[in-house]
Amino acid sequence: MIELGWWPTGSILLVAAAVFVWSRQVSIRPPDPLRPRLLNHGAVQLFAMIVVILMLVHMVTLIAGEPLTGRR
């Protein structure tokens, strides 16, 4: 099984954040009728933000040293 340490987690976090920012920049441009968009940038932003949130939660787990379990 692959172990996600600090470097892979940080790398995935940065890549997902960059994809989110890129997709946001593309989605706010005015549409060009001669060049249709082939991606649904709202879905790309949603997926990238989910990955960012998951990586932030994983970083908290790495800092705490044990998995988060919630309230008991």
PDB file of N, CA and C in Angstrom:
ATOM      1  N   MET A   1       0.838  -1.175   0.000  1.00  0.00           N
ATOM      2  CA  MET A   1       0.000   0.000   0.000  1.00  0.00           C
ATOM      3  C   MET A   1       0.888   1.246   0.000  1.00  0.00           C
ATOM      4  N   ILE A   2       0.461   2.260  -0.713  1.00  0.00           N
ATOM      5  CA  ILE A   2       1.238   3.489  -0.814  1.00  0.00           C
ATOM      6  C   ILE A   2       1.031   4.333   0.438  1.00  0.00           C
ATOM      7  N   GLU A   3       2.125   4.817   0.982  1.00  0.00           N
ATOM      8  CA  GLU A   3       2.043   5.667   2.158  1.00  0.00           C
ATOM      9  C   GLU A   3       2.120   7.132   1.727  1.00  0.00           C
ATOM     10  N   LEU A   4       1.118   7.915   2.132  1.00  0.00           N
ATOM     11  CA  LEU A   4       1.109   9.340   1.817  1.00  0.00           C
ATOM     12  C   LEU A   4       1.746  10.106   2.968  1.00  0.00           C
ATOM     13  N   GLY A   5       3.004  10.469   2.788  1.00  0.00           N
ATOM     14  CA  GLY A   5       3.697  11.267   3.782  1.00  0.00           C
ATOM     15  C   GLY A   5       3.500  12.743   3.491  1.00  0.00           C
ATOM     16  N   TRP A   6       4.428  13.540   3.983  1.00  0.00           N
ATOM     17  CA  TRP A   6       4.313  14.994   3.822  1.00  0.00           C
ATOM     18  C   TRP A   6       4.493  15.438   2.382  1.00  0.00           C
ATOM     19  N   TRP A   7       5.519  14.905   1.706  1.00  0.00           N
ATOM     20  CA  TRP A   7       5.814  15.371   0.341  1.00  0.00           C
ATOM     21  C   TRP A   7       4.725  15.007  -0.659  1.00  0.00           C
ATOM     22  N   PRO A   8       4.255  13.767  -0.696  1.00  0.00           N
ATOM     23  CA  PRO A   8       3.174  13.464  -1.646  1.00  0.00           C
ATOM     24  C   PRO A   8       1.887  14.228  -1.339  1.00  0.00           C
ATOM     25  N   THR A   9       1.578  14.379  -0.054  1.00  0.00           N
ATOM     26  CA  THR A   9       0.360  15.099   0.324  1.00  0.00           C
ATOM     27  C   THR A   9       0.454  16.561  -0.094  1.00  0.00           C
ATOM     28  N   GLY A  10       1.593  17.188   0.175  1.00  0.00           N
ATOM     29  CA  GLY A  10       1.784  18.590  -0.215  1.00  0.00           C
ATOM     30  C   GLY A  10       1.771  18.765  -1.724  1.00  0.00           C
ATOM     31  N   SER A  11       2.370  17.808  -2.429  1.00  0.00           N
ATOM     32  CA  SER A  11       2.392  17.895  -3.891  1.00  0.00           C
ATOM     33  C   SER A  11       0.986  17.777  -4.477  1.00  0.00           C
ATOM     34  N   ILE A  12       0.212  16.826  -3.982  1.00  0.00           N
ATOM     35  CA  ILE A  12      -1.166  16.661  -4.459  1.00  0.00           C
ATOM     36  C   ILE A  12      -1.985  17.902  -4.127  1.00  0.00           C
ATOM     37  N   LEU A  13      -1.771  18.458  -2.944  1.00  0.00           N
ATOM     38  CA  LEU A  13      -2.484  19.672  -2.536  1.00  0.00           C
ATOM     39  C   LEU A  13      -2.167  20.833  -3.475  1.00  0.00           C
ATOM     40  N   LEU A  14      -0.904  21.030  -3.788  1.00  0.00           N
ATOM     41  CA  LEU A  14      -0.517  22.131  -4.676  1.00  0.00           C
ATOM     42  C   LEU A  14      -1.032  21.929  -6.099  1.00  0.00           C
ATOM     43  N   VAL A  15      -0.980  20.708  -6.601  1.00  0.00           N
ATOM     44  CA  VAL A  15      -1.480  20.439  -7.952  1.00  0.00           C
ATOM     45  C   VAL A  15      -2.991  20.668  -8.020  1.00  0.00           C
ATOM     46  N   ALA A  16      -3.716  20.193  -7.021  1.00  0.00           N
ATOM     47  CA  ALA A  16      -5.169  20.380  -7.009  1.00  0.00           C
ATOM     48  C   ALA A  16      -5.528  21.862  -6.894  1.00  0.00           C
ATOM     49  N   ALA A  17      -4.786  22.609  -6.086  1.00  0.00           N
ATOM     50  CA  ALA A  17      -5.042  24.046  -5.965  1.00  0.00           C
ATOM     51  C   ALA A  17      -4.742  24.763  -7.284  1.00  0.00           C
ATOM     52  N   ALA A  18      -3.675  24.355  -7.969  1.00  0.00           N
ATOM     53  CA  ALA A  18      -3.346  24.965  -9.259  1.00  0.00           C
ATOM     54  C   ALA A  18      -4.407  24.648 -10.305  1.00  0.00           C
ATOM     55  N   VAL A  19      -4.916  23.425 -10.311  1.00  0.00           N
ATOM     56  CA  VAL A  19      -5.990  23.060 -11.245  1.00  0.00           C
ATOM     57  C   VAL A  19      -7.237  23.884 -10.951  1.00  0.00           C
ATOM     58  N   PHE A  20      -7.545  24.084  -9.669  1.00  0.00           N
ATOM     59  CA  PHE A  20      -8.707  24.897  -9.305  1.00  0.00           C
ATOM     60  C   PHE A  20      -8.556  26.325  -9.806  1.00  0.00           C
ATOM     61  N   VAL A  21      -7.387  26.933  -9.570  1.00  0.00           N
ATOM     62  CA  VAL A  21      -7.158  28.318  -9.996  1.00  0.00           C
ATOM     63  C   VAL A  21      -7.188  28.430 -11.511  1.00  0.00           C
ATOM     64  N   TRP A  22      -6.568  27.483 -12.218  1.00  0.00           N
ATOM     65  CA  TRP A  22      -6.593  27.510 -13.678  1.00  0.00           C
ATOM     66  C   TRP A  22      -8.022  27.402 -14.204  1.00  0.00           C
ATOM     67  N   SER A  23      -8.784  26.478 -13.644  1.00  0.00           N
ATOM     68  CA  SER A  23     -10.157  26.292 -14.107  1.00  0.00           C
ATOM     69  C   SER A  23     -11.014  27.512 -13.791  1.00  0.00           C
ATOM     70  N   ARG A  24     -10.752  28.150 -12.678  1.00  0.00           N
ATOM     71  CA  ARG A  24     -11.484  29.378 -12.327  1.00  0.00           C
ATOM     72  C   ARG A  24     -11.175  30.485 -13.327  1.00  0.00           C
ATOM     73  N   GLN A  25      -9.905  30.629 -13.693  1.00  0.00           N
ATOM     74  CA  GLN A  25      -9.527  31.664 -14.657  1.00  0.00           C
ATOM     75  C   GLN A  25     -10.157  31.417 -16.017  1.00  0.00           C
ATOM     76  N   VAL A  26     -10.207  30.164 -16.431  1.00  0.00           N
ATOM     77  CA  VAL A  26     -10.805  29.835 -17.725  1.00  0.00           C
ATOM     78  C   VAL A  26     -12.318  30.066 -17.694  1.00  0.00           C
ATOM     79  N   SER A  27     -12.951  29.749 -16.575  1.00  0.00           N
ATOM     80  CA  SER A  27     -14.419  29.843 -16.515  1.00  0.00           C
ATOM     81  C   SER A  27     -14.918  31.281 -16.457  1.00  0.00           C
ATOM     82  N   ILE A  28     -14.099  32.231 -15.982  1.00  0.00           N
ATOM     83  CA  ILE A  28     -14.579  33.611 -15.895  1.00  0.00           C
ATOM     84  C   ILE A  28     -14.317  34.405 -17.177  1.00  0.00           C
ATOM     85  N   ARG A  29     -13.590  33.821 -18.124  1.00  0.00           N
ATOM     86  CA  ARG A  29     -13.402  34.488 -19.411  1.00  0.00           C
ATOM     87  C   ARG A  29     -14.724  34.532 -20.179  1.00  0.00           C
ATOM     88  N   PRO A  30     -14.945  35.570 -20.971  1.00  0.00           N
ATOM     89  CA  PRO A  30     -16.158  35.582 -21.792  1.00  0.00           C
ATOM     90  C   PRO A  30     -16.091  34.472 -22.853  1.00  0.00           C
ATOM     91  N   PRO A  31     -17.227  33.858 -23.144  1.00  0.00           N
ATOM     92  CA  PRO A  31     -17.206  32.749 -24.109  1.00  0.00           C
ATOM     93  C   PRO A  31     -16.888  33.221 -25.523  1.00  0.00           C
ATOM     94  N   ASP A  32     -16.126  32.409 -26.232  1.00  0.00           N
ATOM     95  CA  ASP A  32     -15.790  32.664 -27.631  1.00  0.00           C
ATOM     96  C   ASP A  32     -16.617  31.708 -28.488  1.00  0.00           C
ATOM     97  N   PRO A  33     -17.526  32.229 -29.326  1.00  0.00           N
ATOM     98  CA  PRO A  33     -18.380  31.331 -30.100  1.00  0.00           C
ATOM     99  C   PRO A  33     -17.620  30.470 -31.111  1.00  0.00           C
ATOM    100  N   LEU A  34     -16.421  30.880 -31.497  1.00  0.00           N
ATOM    101  CA  LEU A  34     -15.651  30.099 -32.464  1.00  0.00           C
ATOM    102  C   LEU A  34     -14.847  28.975 -31.815  1.00  0.00           C
ATOM    103  N   ARG A  35     -14.659  29.045 -30.501  1.00  0.00           N
ATOM    104  CA  ARG A  35     -13.896  28.019 -29.773  1.00  0.00           C
ATOM    105  C   ARG A  35     -14.740  27.494 -28.616  1.00  0.00           C
ATOM    106  N   PRO A  36     -15.487  26.430 -28.810  1.00  0.00           N
ATOM    107  CA  PRO A  36     -16.313  25.910 -27.719  1.00  0.00           C
ATOM    108  C   PRO A  36     -15.452  25.298 -26.619  1.00  0.00           C
ATOM    109  N   ARG A  37     -15.946  25.373 -25.416  1.00  0.00           N
ATOM    110  CA  ARG A  37     -15.239  24.775 -24.274  1.00  0.00           C
ATOM    111  C   ARG A  37     -15.571  23.289 -24.216  1.00  0.00           C
ATOM    112  N   LEU A  38     -14.550  22.490 -24.064  1.00  0.00           N
ATOM    113  CA  LEU A  38     -14.736  21.045 -24.070  1.00  0.00           C
ATOM    114  C   LEU A  38     -14.850  20.463 -22.665  1.00  0.00           C
ATOM    115  N   LEU A  39     -14.600  21.282 -21.648  1.00  0.00           N
ATOM    116  CA  LEU A  39     -14.684  20.832 -20.264  1.00  0.00           C
ATOM    117  C   LEU A  39     -15.766  21.606 -19.529  1.00  0.00           C
ATOM    118  N   ASN A  40     -16.403  20.947 -18.596  1.00  0.00           N
ATOM    119  CA  ASN A  40     -17.300  21.637 -17.685  1.00  0.00           C
ATOM    120  C   ASN A  40     -16.435  22.129 -16.521  1.00  0.00           C
ATOM    121  N   HIS A  41     -16.081  23.412 -16.543  1.00  0.00           N
ATOM    122  CA  HIS A  41     -15.133  23.920 -15.566  1.00  0.00           C
ATOM    123  C   HIS A  41     -15.705  23.987 -14.163  1.00  0.00           C
ATOM    124  N   GLY A  42     -17.015  24.046 -14.036  1.00  0.00           N
ATOM    125  CA  GLY A  42     -17.624  23.973 -12.706  1.00  0.00           C
ATOM    126  C   GLY A  42     -17.367  22.628 -12.054  1.00  0.00           C
ATOM    127  N   ALA A  43     -17.469  21.554 -12.820  1.00  0.00           N
ATOM    128  CA  ALA A  43     -17.198  20.212 -12.297  1.00  0.00           C
ATOM    129  C   ALA A  43     -15.715  20.039 -11.977  1.00  0.00           C
ATOM    130  N   VAL A  44     -14.845  20.605 -12.812  1.00  0.00           N
ATOM    131  CA  VAL A  44     -13.396  20.524 -12.553  1.00  0.00           C
ATOM    132  C   VAL A  44     -13.064  21.251 -11.260  1.00  0.00           C
ATOM    133  N   GLN A  45     -13.656  22.425 -11.046  1.00  0.00           N
ATOM    134  CA  GLN A  45     -13.420  23.184  -9.819  1.00  0.00           C
ATOM    135  C   GLN A  45     -13.919  22.416  -8.599  1.00  0.00           C
ATOM    136  N   LEU A  46     -15.098  21.799  -8.717  1.00  0.00           N
ATOM    137  CA  LEU A  46     -15.649  21.029  -7.604  1.00  0.00           C
ATOM    138  C   LEU A  46     -14.737  19.865  -7.243  1.00  0.00           C
ATOM    139  N   PHE A  47     -14.300  19.113  -8.243  1.00  0.00           N
ATOM    140  CA  PHE A  47     -13.421  17.975  -7.995  1.00  0.00           C
ATOM    141  C   PHE A  47     -12.095  18.423  -7.371  1.00  0.00           C
ATOM    142  N   ALA A  48     -11.517  19.510  -7.892  1.00  0.00           N
ATOM    143  CA  ALA A  48     -10.246  20.008  -7.360  1.00  0.00           C
ATOM    144  C   ALA A  48     -10.410  20.475  -5.914  1.00  0.00           C
ATOM    145  N   MET A  49     -11.532  21.128  -5.605  1.00  0.00           N
ATOM    146  CA  MET A  49     -11.742  21.606  -4.236  1.00  0.00           C
ATOM    147  C   MET A  49     -11.949  20.433  -3.271  1.00  0.00           C
ATOM    148  N   ILE A  50     -12.610  19.369  -3.730  1.00  0.00           N
ATOM    149  CA  ILE A  50     -12.767  18.176  -2.886  1.00  0.00           C
ATOM    150  C   ILE A  50     -11.403  17.572  -2.579  1.00  0.00           C
ATOM    151  N   VAL A  51     -10.525  17.507  -3.581  1.00  0.00           N
ATOM    152  CA  VAL A  51      -9.177  16.956  -3.365  1.00  0.00           C
ATOM    153  C   VAL A  51      -8.379  17.847  -2.407  1.00  0.00           C
ATOM    154  N   VAL A  52      -8.510  19.176  -2.545  1.00  0.00           N
ATOM    155  CA  VAL A  52      -7.807  20.097  -1.637  1.00  0.00           C
ATOM    156  C   VAL A  52      -8.274  19.879  -0.198  1.00  0.00           C
ATOM    157  N   ILE A  53      -9.579  19.771   0.007  1.00  0.00           N
ATOM    158  CA  ILE A  53     -10.104  19.567   1.356  1.00  0.00           C
ATOM    159  C   ILE A  53      -9.627  18.228   1.929  1.00  0.00           C
ATOM    160  N   LEU A  54      -9.649  17.180   1.118  1.00  0.00           N
ATOM    161  CA  LEU A  54      -9.174  15.876   1.593  1.00  0.00           C
ATOM    162  C   LEU A  54      -7.692  15.920   1.970  1.00  0.00           C
ATOM    163  N   MET A  55      -6.881  16.619   1.200  1.00  0.00           N
ATOM    164  CA  MET A  55      -5.456  16.703   1.519  1.00  0.00           C
ATOM    165  C   MET A  55      -5.215  17.543   2.777  1.00  0.00           C
ATOM    166  N   LEU A  56      -6.026  18.584   2.988  1.00  0.00           N
ATOM    167  CA  LEU A  56      -5.898  19.364   4.223  1.00  0.00           C
ATOM    168  C   LEU A  56      -6.267  18.512   5.440  1.00  0.00           C
ATOM    169  N   VAL A  57      -7.311  17.715   5.315  1.00  0.00           N
ATOM    170  CA  VAL A  57      -7.687  16.808   6.409  1.00  0.00           C
ATOM    171  C   VAL A  57      -6.583  15.784   6.646  1.00  0.00           C
ATOM    172  N   HIS A  58      -5.978  15.294   5.569  1.00  0.00           N
ATOM    173  CA  HIS A  58      -4.883  14.332   5.722  1.00  0.00           C
ATOM    174  C   HIS A  58      -3.682  14.982   6.402  1.00  0.00           C
ATOM    175  N   MET A  59      -3.413  16.249   6.101  1.00  0.00           N
ATOM    176  CA  MET A  59      -2.305  16.947   6.777  1.00  0.00           C
ATOM    177  C   MET A  59      -2.575  17.095   8.274  1.00  0.00           C
ATOM    178  N   VAL A  60      -3.819  17.367   8.626  1.00  0.00           N
ATOM    179  CA  VAL A  60      -4.172  17.434  10.052  1.00  0.00           C
ATOM    180  C   VAL A  60      -3.944  16.080  10.704  1.00  0.00           C
ATOM    181  N   THR A  61      -4.287  15.006  10.001  1.00  0.00           N
ATOM    182  CA  THR A  61      -4.049  13.663  10.522  1.00  0.00           C
ATOM    183  C   THR A  61      -2.545  13.402  10.690  1.00  0.00           C
ATOM    184  N   LEU A  62      -1.741  13.871   9.744  1.00  0.00           N
ATOM    185  CA  LEU A  62      -0.287  13.696   9.872  1.00  0.00           C
ATOM    186  C   LEU A  62       0.258  14.490  11.052  1.00  0.00           C
ATOM    187  N   ILE A  63      -0.277  15.689  11.298  1.00  0.00           N
ATOM    188  CA  ILE A  63       0.177  16.504  12.425  1.00  0.00           C
ATOM    189  C   ILE A  63      -0.223  15.851  13.746  1.00  0.00           C
ATOM    190  N   ALA A  64      -1.470  15.355  13.819  1.00  0.00           N
ATOM    191  CA  ALA A  64      -1.967  14.754  15.059  1.00  0.00           C
ATOM    192  C   ALA A  64      -1.277  13.432  15.370  1.00  0.00           C
ATOM    193  N   GLY A  65      -0.851  12.706  14.352  1.00  0.00           N
ATOM    194  CA  GLY A  65      -0.178  11.437  14.579  1.00  0.00           C
ATOM    195  C   GLY A  65      -1.101  10.251  14.696  1.00  0.00           C
ATOM    196  N   GLU A  66      -2.400  10.488  14.674  1.00  0.00           N
ATOM    197  CA  GLU A  66      -3.381   9.399  14.724  1.00  0.00           C
ATOM    198  C   GLU A  66      -4.611   9.816  13.937  1.00  0.00           C
ATOM    199  N   PRO A  67      -5.370   8.865  13.417  1.00  0.00           N
ATOM    200  CA  PRO A  67      -6.555   9.210  12.623  1.00  0.00           C
ATOM    201  C   PRO A  67      -7.604   9.948  13.458  1.00  0.00           C
ATOM    202  N   LEU A  68      -8.293  10.877  12.812  1.00  0.00           N
ATOM    203  CA  LEU A  68      -9.370  11.588  13.482  1.00  0.00           C
ATOM    204  C   LEU A  68     -10.594  10.689  13.527  1.00  0.00           C
ATOM    205  N   THR A  69     -11.223  10.617  14.698  1.00  0.00           N
ATOM    206  CA  THR A  69     -12.358   9.703  14.860  1.00  0.00           C
ATOM    207  C   THR A  69     -13.675  10.426  15.070  1.00  0.00           C
ATOM    208  N   GLY A  70     -13.678  11.676  15.396  1.00  0.00           N
ATOM    209  CA  GLY A  70     -14.924  12.395  15.659  1.00  0.00           C
ATOM    210  C   GLY A  70     -15.301  12.339  17.120  1.00  0.00           C
ATOM    211  N   ARG A  71     -16.511  12.799  17.422  1.00  0.00           N
ATOM    212  CA  ARG A  71     -16.964  12.845  18.825  1.00  0.00           C
ATOM    213  C   ARG A  71     -17.417  11.473  19.290  1.00  0.00           C
ATOM    214  N   ARG A  72     -17.265  11.252  20.595  1.00  0.00           N
ATOM    215  CA  ARG A  72     -17.698   9.968  21.171  1.00  0.00           C
ATOM    216  C   ARG A  72     -18.733  10.220  22.211  1.00  0.00           C
TER     217      ARG A  72
END
